[in-house]
Amino acid sequence: MQTLIIIKNNKNTIMDTLNSIKPLNCSILVGNIGSEDGSEELCKSRNARVIDLKFNNDYSEAKNKLIEAANEDWLFFIEPWE
C-alpha cells in the first residue's frame, strides 16, 4: 500500500498527517503543487518520495498525475490537514 498526499504550503499540518499514517507502515508519495514553505523537506525527512507536479488549477489533474507516479497496487489518499 502507498499513501498519496498532495501538498502546497502545508508546513503547519503535514507532520501531524505523516504521524497519523505511521502505523500503516507504508510508502509515502507526495505531490508538491508549489510549496514554498518547506513542507516538501518535512516530507522528505520522513522518507517520503516527493515529486513536483505542474498545477493548472485542476486538483483532479494533479491527483491523476500522482496516481500515475504511484508504484503500489493499493493506494490510500489523505489530505495534508487530516
C-alpha atoms as a PDB file:
ATOM      1  CA  MET A   1       0.000   0.000   0.000  1.00  0.00           C
ATOM      2  CA  GLN A   2       1.147   3.512  -0.756  1.00  0.00           C
ATOM      3  CA  THR A   3      -0.150   6.702   0.817  1.00  0.00           C
ATOM      4  CA  LEU A   4      -0.589   9.635  -1.563  1.00  0.00           C
ATOM      5  CA  ILE A   5      -0.675  13.259  -0.419  1.00  0.00           C
ATOM      6  CA  ILE A   6      -0.864  16.472  -2.434  1.00  0.00           C
ATOM      7  CA  ILE A   7       0.743  19.440  -0.710  1.00  0.00           C
ATOM      8  CA  LYS A   8       1.013  23.178  -1.148  1.00  0.00           C
ATOM      9  CA  ASN A   9       2.344  25.154   1.788  1.00  0.00           C
ATOM     10  CA  ASN A  10       1.184  22.710   4.460  1.00  0.00           C
ATOM     11  CA  LYS A  11       4.161  23.085   6.802  1.00  0.00           C
ATOM     12  CA  ASN A  12       1.908  23.653   9.823  1.00  0.00           C
ATOM     13  CA  THR A  13      -0.107  20.447   9.398  1.00  0.00           C
ATOM     14  CA  ILE A  14       1.907  17.928   7.376  1.00  0.00           C
ATOM     15  CA  MET A  15       3.823  16.419  10.316  1.00  0.00           C
ATOM     16  CA  ASP A  16       0.581  15.554  12.117  1.00  0.00           C
ATOM     17  CA  THR A  17      -0.636  13.914   8.919  1.00  0.00           C
ATOM     18  CA  LEU A  18       2.573  11.924   8.493  1.00  0.00           C
ATOM     19  CA  ASN A  19       2.464  10.865  12.153  1.00  0.00           C
ATOM     20  CA  SER A  20      -1.120   9.681  11.756  1.00  0.00           C
ATOM     21  CA  ILE A  21      -0.224   7.289   8.936  1.00  0.00           C
ATOM     22  CA  LYS A  22       2.990   5.992  10.503  1.00  0.00           C
ATOM     23  CA  PRO A  23       1.228   2.902  11.967  1.00  0.00           C
ATOM     24  CA  LEU A  24       0.270   1.858   8.428  1.00  0.00           C
ATOM     25  CA  ASN A  25       3.959   1.215   7.701  1.00  0.00           C
ATOM     26  CA  CYS A  26       3.545   2.044   4.027  1.00  0.00           C
ATOM     27  CA  SER A  27       5.461   4.023   1.465  1.00  0.00           C
ATOM     28  CA  ILE A  28       4.509   7.668   1.014  1.00  0.00           C
ATOM     29  CA  LEU A  29       4.310   9.537  -2.273  1.00  0.00           C
ATOM     30  CA  VAL A  30       3.846  13.297  -2.081  1.00  0.00           C
ATOM     31  CA  GLY A  31       2.838  15.506  -4.986  1.00  0.00           C
ATOM     32  CA  ASN A  32       4.083  19.046  -4.478  1.00  0.00           C
ATOM     33  CA  ILE A  33       1.982  21.593  -6.376  1.00  0.00           C
ATOM     34  CA  GLY A  34       4.030  24.644  -5.468  1.00  0.00           C
ATOM     35  CA  SER A  35       5.024  24.644  -1.817  1.00  0.00           C
ATOM     36  CA  GLU A  36       7.290  27.478  -0.782  1.00  0.00           C
ATOM     37  CA  ASP A  37       7.247  26.967   2.987  1.00  0.00           C
ATOM     38  CA  GLY A  38       9.499  23.923   3.391  1.00  0.00           C
ATOM     39  CA  SER A  39       6.717  21.365   3.664  1.00  0.00           C
ATOM     40  CA  GLU A  40       8.341  19.194   0.991  1.00  0.00           C
ATOM     41  CA  GLU A  41      11.541  18.993   3.077  1.00  0.00           C
ATOM     42  CA  LEU A  42       9.491  17.864   6.075  1.00  0.00           C
ATOM     43  CA  CYS A  43       8.003  15.087   3.963  1.00  0.00           C
ATOM     44  CA  LYS A  44      11.434  14.024   2.735  1.00  0.00           C
ATOM     45  CA  SER A  45      12.634  13.906   6.348  1.00  0.00           C
ATOM     46  CA  ARG A  46      10.041  11.166   6.868  1.00  0.00           C
ATOM     47  CA  ASN A  47      11.354   9.194   3.864  1.00  0.00           C
ATOM     48  CA  ALA A  48       8.523  10.260   1.597  1.00  0.00           C
ATOM     49  CA  ARG A  49       9.193  10.419  -2.108  1.00  0.00           C
ATOM     50  CA  VAL A  50       8.299  13.938  -3.242  1.00  0.00           C
ATOM     51  CA  ILE A  51       7.607  14.798  -6.857  1.00  0.00           C
ATOM     52  CA  ASP A  52       6.839  18.227  -8.260  1.00  0.00           C
ATOM     53  CA  LEU A  53       3.581  18.435 -10.168  1.00  0.00           C
ATOM     54  CA  LYS A  54       2.652  21.244 -12.518  1.00  0.00           C
ATOM     55  CA  PHE A  55      -0.574  22.685 -11.153  1.00  0.00           C
ATOM     56  CA  ASN A  56      -3.065  24.097 -13.646  1.00  0.00           C
ATOM     57  CA  ASN A  57      -5.741  24.998 -11.077  1.00  0.00           C
ATOM     58  CA  ASP A  58      -7.143  21.496 -11.538  1.00  0.00           C
ATOM     59  CA  TYR A  59      -6.860  19.355  -8.416  1.00  0.00           C
ATOM     60  CA  SER A  60      -8.201  16.253 -10.178  1.00  0.00           C
ATOM     61  CA  GLU A  61      -5.492  16.543 -12.842  1.00  0.00           C
ATOM     62  CA  ALA A  62      -2.808  16.738 -10.140  1.00  0.00           C
ATOM     63  CA  LYS A  63      -4.352  13.760  -8.375  1.00  0.00           C
ATOM     64  CA  ASN A  64      -4.351  11.713 -11.592  1.00  0.00           C
ATOM     65  CA  LYS A  65      -0.687  12.581 -12.217  1.00  0.00           C
ATOM     66  CA  LEU A  66       0.126  11.428  -8.700  1.00  0.00           C
ATOM     67  CA  ILE A  67      -1.696   8.149  -9.323  1.00  0.00           C
ATOM     68  CA  GLU A  68       0.363   7.651 -12.487  1.00  0.00           C
ATOM     69  CA  ALA A  69       3.563   8.097 -10.455  1.00  0.00           C
ATOM     70  CA  ALA A  70       2.484   5.618  -7.776  1.00  0.00           C
ATOM     71  CA  ASN A  71       4.179   2.239  -7.708  1.00  0.00           C
ATOM     72  CA  GLU A  72       1.991   0.107  -5.430  1.00  0.00           C
ATOM     73  CA  ASP A  73      -1.180  -1.875  -6.092  1.00  0.00           C
ATOM     74  CA  TRP A  74      -3.167  -0.312  -3.233  1.00  0.00           C
ATOM     75  CA  LEU A  75      -3.378   3.477  -2.887  1.00  0.00           C
ATOM     76  CA  PHE A  76      -4.570   5.496   0.097  1.00  0.00           C
ATOM     77  CA  PHE A  77      -5.217   9.219  -0.312  1.00  0.00           C
ATOM     78  CA  ILE A  78      -5.097  11.574   2.636  1.00  0.00           C
ATOM     79  CA  GLU A  79      -5.269  15.350   2.768  1.00  0.00           C
ATOM     80  CA  PRO A  80      -2.327  17.170   4.377  1.00  0.00           C
ATOM     81  CA  TRP A  81      -4.512  18.551   7.162  1.00  0.00           C
ATOM     82  CA  GLU A  82      -6.082  15.236   8.202  1.00  0.00           C
END
